[in-house]
Protein backbone atom coordinates (compact mmCIF):
# COMPACT_ATOMS: atom_id res chain seq x y z
CA MET A 1 -105.74 165.58 -158.59
CA ASN A 2 -107.81 162.45 -158.76
CA VAL A 3 -105.37 159.69 -159.70
CA PRO A 4 -104.97 156.81 -157.22
CA ARG A 5 -101.62 157.06 -155.46
CA GLU A 6 -100.74 153.39 -155.87
CA LYS A 7 -101.47 153.64 -159.59
CA VAL A 8 -99.03 156.53 -159.89
CA ARG A 9 -96.38 154.63 -157.95
CA ARG A 10 -96.75 151.52 -160.13
CA SER A 11 -96.66 153.51 -163.36
CA PHE A 12 -93.37 155.20 -162.56
CA ALA A 13 -91.87 152.10 -160.95
CA THR A 14 -92.31 150.19 -164.21
CA ALA A 15 -91.53 153.03 -166.64
CA PRO A 16 -89.60 151.17 -169.37
CA ASP A 17 -87.47 154.01 -170.76
CA TYR A 18 -87.81 157.13 -168.65
CA ASP A 19 -84.45 158.65 -169.50
CA GLY A 20 -84.88 158.03 -173.22
CA HIS A 21 -88.24 159.80 -173.54
CA ALA A 22 -88.36 162.39 -170.73
CA ARG A 23 -86.90 165.26 -172.77
CA VAL A 24 -89.10 167.98 -171.29
CA GLN A 25 -88.54 166.62 -167.79
CA ARG A 26 -84.77 166.82 -168.26
CA ASP A 27 -84.94 170.39 -169.61
CA VAL A 28 -87.18 171.51 -166.73
CA ALA A 29 -84.85 169.93 -164.15
CA GLU A 30 -81.82 171.68 -165.61
CA ALA A 31 -83.64 175.03 -165.65
CA LEU A 32 -84.74 174.53 -162.04
CA ALA A 33 -81.17 173.71 -161.00
CA ALA A 34 -80.00 176.97 -162.58
CA ARG A 35 -82.61 178.90 -160.56
CA ILE A 36 -81.61 177.14 -157.35
CA ALA A 37 -77.95 177.97 -157.98
CA MET A 38 -78.90 181.66 -157.70
CA LEU A 39 -80.41 181.29 -154.22
CA ASP A 40 -78.68 182.46 -151.07
CA LEU A 41 -77.83 179.07 -149.58
CA PRO A 42 -75.32 178.15 -146.88
CA PRO A 43 -71.93 176.79 -148.07
CA SER A 44 -72.97 173.26 -147.04
CA PRO A 45 -76.77 173.17 -147.17
CA ARG A 46 -79.05 170.47 -145.82
CA VAL A 47 -81.04 169.41 -148.89
CA LEU A 48 -84.25 167.40 -149.30
CA GLU A 49 -85.36 166.30 -152.76
CA ILE A 50 -88.93 165.07 -153.26
CA GLY A 51 -89.70 162.79 -156.21
CA CYS A 52 -86.15 162.25 -157.43
CA GLY A 53 -87.15 159.93 -160.28
CA THR A 54 -84.06 158.70 -162.09
CA GLY A 55 -82.01 161.68 -160.93
CA PHE A 56 -82.34 164.49 -163.49
CA LEU A 57 -82.57 167.27 -160.87
CA THR A 58 -80.14 165.62 -158.46
CA GLU A 59 -77.51 165.39 -161.16
CA ALA A 60 -78.16 168.91 -162.47
CA LEU A 61 -77.80 170.39 -158.98
CA GLY A 62 -74.45 168.68 -158.64
CA HIS A 63 -73.35 170.20 -161.93
CA VAL A 64 -74.16 173.73 -160.70
CA GLY A 65 -72.22 173.18 -157.50
CA ILE A 66 -74.91 172.51 -154.88
CA GLY A 67 -73.15 170.37 -152.29
CA GLY A 68 -74.00 169.72 -148.66
CA ASP A 69 -75.86 166.85 -147.04
CA TRP A 70 -78.66 165.38 -149.13
CA LEU A 71 -81.76 163.31 -148.46
CA ILE A 72 -82.96 162.09 -151.86
CA THR A 73 -86.46 160.58 -151.92
CA ASP A 74 -89.19 159.20 -154.12
CA LEU A 75 -92.55 157.46 -153.64
CA ALA A 76 -91.39 154.51 -155.77
CA PRO A 77 -88.57 152.36 -154.35
CA GLU A 78 -87.59 151.43 -157.90
CA MET A 79 -86.98 155.10 -158.77
CA VAL A 80 -84.91 155.61 -155.63
CA GLU A 81 -82.67 152.73 -156.70
CA ARG A 82 -82.36 154.06 -160.25
CA CYS A 83 -81.32 157.45 -158.90
CA ARG A 84 -78.83 155.80 -156.53
CA ALA A 85 -77.37 153.83 -159.45
CA ARG A 86 -77.08 157.00 -161.53
CA LEU A 87 -75.29 159.04 -158.87
CA GLY A 88 -73.45 156.41 -156.84
CA GLU A 89 -72.98 156.16 -153.10
CA SER A 90 -71.60 159.03 -151.05
CA ALA A 91 -71.23 159.85 -147.37
CA HIS A 92 -73.19 163.04 -148.05
CA ARG A 93 -76.08 161.46 -149.96
CA ARG A 94 -78.82 159.40 -148.33
CA PHE A 95 -81.61 157.78 -150.31
CA ALA A 96 -85.03 156.94 -148.91
CA VAL A 97 -88.55 156.02 -149.96
CA LEU A 98 -90.86 158.85 -148.92
CA ASP A 99 -94.39 159.95 -149.71
CA GLY A 100 -93.64 163.65 -150.09
CA GLU A 101 -97.24 164.67 -149.52
CA TYR A 102 -98.14 162.62 -146.45
CA GLY A 103 -94.85 161.28 -145.11
CA THR A 104 -92.36 162.97 -142.78
CA PRO A 105 -88.66 163.11 -143.63
CA GLU A 106 -85.88 162.41 -141.17
CA ARG A 107 -83.48 165.08 -139.96
CA ALA A 108 -85.51 168.22 -140.67
CA PRO A 109 -85.08 171.15 -140.91
CA PHE A 110 -83.59 171.74 -144.35
CA ASP A 111 -81.93 174.71 -146.01
CA LEU A 112 -83.28 173.63 -149.41
CA ILE A 113 -86.31 171.53 -150.35
CA CYS A 114 -86.62 170.93 -154.08
CA SER A 115 -88.62 168.86 -156.54
CA SER A 116 -88.96 168.78 -160.31
CA LEU A 117 -92.28 167.79 -161.91
CA ALA A 118 -93.46 165.51 -159.12
CA VAL A 119 -95.94 167.43 -156.96
CA GLN A 120 -98.53 167.59 -159.77
CA TRP A 121 -99.31 163.99 -158.78
CA PHE A 122 -100.23 165.03 -155.23
CA ASP A 123 -103.85 165.06 -154.09
CA ASP A 124 -103.55 168.71 -153.00
CA ALA A 125 -100.30 170.26 -154.21
CA PRO A 126 -100.76 173.74 -152.64
CA ALA A 127 -101.51 172.24 -149.22
CA ALA A 128 -98.53 169.90 -149.56
CA LEU A 129 -96.16 172.77 -150.34
CA SER A 130 -97.43 174.64 -147.29
CA ARG A 131 -96.68 171.55 -145.19
CA MET A 132 -93.21 171.18 -146.71
CA ALA A 133 -92.43 174.82 -145.94
CA GLY A 134 -92.72 173.86 -142.28
CA TRP A 135 -89.63 171.65 -142.76
CA LEU A 136 -87.47 174.63 -143.71
CA ALA A 137 -84.78 176.04 -141.48
CA PRO A 138 -84.81 179.83 -140.93
CA GLY A 139 -83.69 181.42 -144.18
CA GLY A 140 -84.34 178.18 -146.04
CA HIS A 141 -85.80 177.88 -149.53
CA LEU A 142 -88.42 175.60 -151.05
CA MET A 143 -88.37 175.59 -154.86
CA VAL A 144 -90.31 173.14 -157.00
CA THR A 145 -91.73 172.82 -160.47
CA THR A 146 -95.14 171.37 -161.20
CA LEU A 147 -97.58 171.27 -164.11
CA GLY A 148 -100.37 173.81 -164.49
CA PRO A 149 -103.84 173.28 -166.02
CA GLY A 150 -102.62 174.67 -169.35
CA SER A 151 -100.67 171.45 -169.90
CA PHE A 152 -101.73 169.06 -172.69
CA THR A 153 -104.20 171.60 -174.13
CA GLU A 154 -103.76 170.17 -177.64
CA TRP A 155 -104.57 166.63 -176.48
CA ARG A 156 -107.62 167.86 -174.59
CA ALA A 157 -108.76 169.86 -177.62
CA ALA A 158 -108.53 166.75 -179.83
CA HIS A 159 -110.91 164.98 -177.44
CA ALA A 160 -113.26 167.96 -177.21
CA ALA A 161 -113.50 168.13 -181.00
CA GLU A 162 -115.02 164.63 -180.87
CA GLY A 163 -117.31 165.48 -177.94
CA LEU A 164 -115.09 163.50 -175.53
CA SER A 165 -113.16 164.22 -172.33
CA ALA A 166 -109.47 163.43 -171.98
CA GLY A 167 -108.33 161.42 -168.98
CA THR A 168 -105.44 163.82 -168.41
CA PRO A 169 -105.29 164.72 -164.70
CA ALA A 170 -106.72 168.05 -163.59
CA PHE A 171 -103.66 169.94 -162.37
CA ALA A 172 -104.01 172.55 -159.62
CA PRO A 173 -104.85 176.08 -160.86
CA VAL A 174 -101.93 178.48 -160.55
CA SER A 175 -104.07 180.82 -158.42
CA THR A 176 -104.22 178.22 -155.64
CA PHE A 177 -100.49 178.50 -154.90
CA ARG A 178 -101.09 181.54 -152.73
CA GLU A 179 -98.14 181.12 -150.37
CA CYS A 180 -95.56 180.91 -153.16
CA THR A 181 -93.84 183.23 -155.57
CA VAL A 182 -94.89 181.74 -158.90
CA THR A 183 -93.44 181.91 -162.40
CA ILE A 184 -94.84 180.16 -165.48
CA GLU A 185 -93.15 178.94 -168.66
CA ASN A 186 -94.58 176.89 -171.51
CA HIS A 187 -92.51 174.06 -172.96
CA VAL A 188 -93.76 172.72 -176.30
CA GLU A 189 -92.82 169.23 -177.44
CA ARG A 190 -93.49 168.04 -180.99
CA HIS A 191 -94.02 164.36 -181.80
CA GLU A 192 -93.61 162.52 -185.08
CA ASP A 193 -97.16 161.19 -184.92
CA PRO A 194 -99.96 160.68 -182.37
CA MET A 195 -98.80 157.20 -181.38
CA ALA A 196 -95.31 158.54 -180.63
CA PHE A 197 -96.91 160.85 -178.05
CA LEU A 198 -98.78 157.97 -176.41
CA ARG A 199 -95.72 155.72 -176.46
CA GLY A 200 -93.68 158.49 -174.85
CA LEU A 201 -96.16 158.89 -171.99
CA LYS A 202 -96.12 155.16 -171.35
CA ALA A 203 -92.32 155.01 -171.51
CA ILE A 204 -91.98 157.55 -168.69
CA GLY A 205 -94.88 156.20 -166.62
CA ALA A 206 -97.04 159.32 -167.06
CA GLN A 207 -100.04 157.65 -168.69
CA SER A 208 -102.17 157.48 -165.50
CA ALA A 209 -105.66 158.86 -166.10
CA GLU A 210 -108.22 160.37 -163.75
CA ALA A 211 -109.84 157.73 -161.55
CA ASP A 212 -113.31 158.13 -163.10
CA HIS A 213 -112.14 158.33 -166.73
CA ARG A 214 -113.75 155.84 -169.09
CA PRO A 215 -111.28 154.51 -171.68
CA LEU A 216 -112.07 155.39 -175.27
CA THR A 217 -113.44 152.80 -177.63
CA PRO A 218 -111.15 151.90 -180.55
CA GLY A 219 -113.24 154.09 -182.86
CA GLN A 220 -113.14 157.06 -180.49
CA LEU A 221 -109.41 156.71 -180.04
CA ARG A 222 -108.84 156.53 -183.80
CA ARG A 223 -110.84 159.72 -184.39
CA THR A 224 -109.14 161.52 -181.49
CA LEU A 225 -105.70 160.59 -182.79
CA GLY A 226 -106.73 161.94 -186.18
CA ARG A 227 -107.72 165.26 -184.63
CA PHE A 228 -104.46 165.40 -182.72
CA ALA A 229 -102.50 164.75 -185.91
CA GLN A 230 -104.30 167.67 -187.58
CA SER A 231 -103.04 169.97 -184.82
CA GLY A 232 -99.42 169.07 -185.60
CA CYS A 233 -98.81 166.59 -182.77
CA GLU A 234 -97.55 169.34 -180.49
CA VAL A 235 -98.04 169.16 -176.72
CA THR A 236 -97.71 172.09 -174.33
CA TYR A 237 -96.38 171.63 -170.81
CA GLU A 238 -97.33 174.58 -168.60
CA VAL A 239 -94.46 174.51 -166.11
CA VAL A 240 -95.15 176.33 -162.85
CA THR A 241 -92.19 177.16 -160.58
CA CYS A 242 -93.11 177.76 -156.94
CA HIS A 243 -90.71 179.40 -154.50
CA VAL A 244 -91.08 179.83 -150.76
CA CYS A 245 -88.42 181.45 -148.56
CA ARG A 246 -88.69 181.15 -144.80
CA ALA A 247 -87.78 184.29 -142.90
CA SER A 248 -84.44 184.25 -141.11
């Protein structure tokens, strides 16, 4: 990943309508919660969530009956507050600003560490997951979803057809998650038109490009949008689920 951290934080902090446009993100969070519900967890687990956003995963885990003591975190203070507003205060829920890749959470170890579509913004996601696994209690589980390099293939192809490179971040290859059990699913989202796709990215704060990407000229953008429209305005999200279980 080569997107400046502060740029990522600002983009999500100011996302104008995350909940209204993050359809894939909601679906992925609900699917992850269903997987987590099948894990062998203690009756009252100690839970750490990384990159809570507005609370899709937090809420979904509550719906499938994951209780316990929670530490709910995000890099952006604004997202932490939006998640807090969504879920409300509770003696068993603590909210905190935390850089999940480089920070250190309070009150480790944890029985469950989870995250939905956040670690793809890390500088080195596989190394970060290895570090997080060190926060697990014996028998604890780390389960996260991230995006694989097969994401946004249609958007990249539209650029390539014009001899251009998309600014879409280079997500970590699946083969680099060596310490995890990995599963992959593709989620395809269809948009009404090319501009609807771009507006959706901006609305959820996911428009950050690679640091060295040169913005397209108006003519280049117009031609690229035309190519994208020819492909049907579909976008693939390659969702990678990583699972680590610490030995008892």
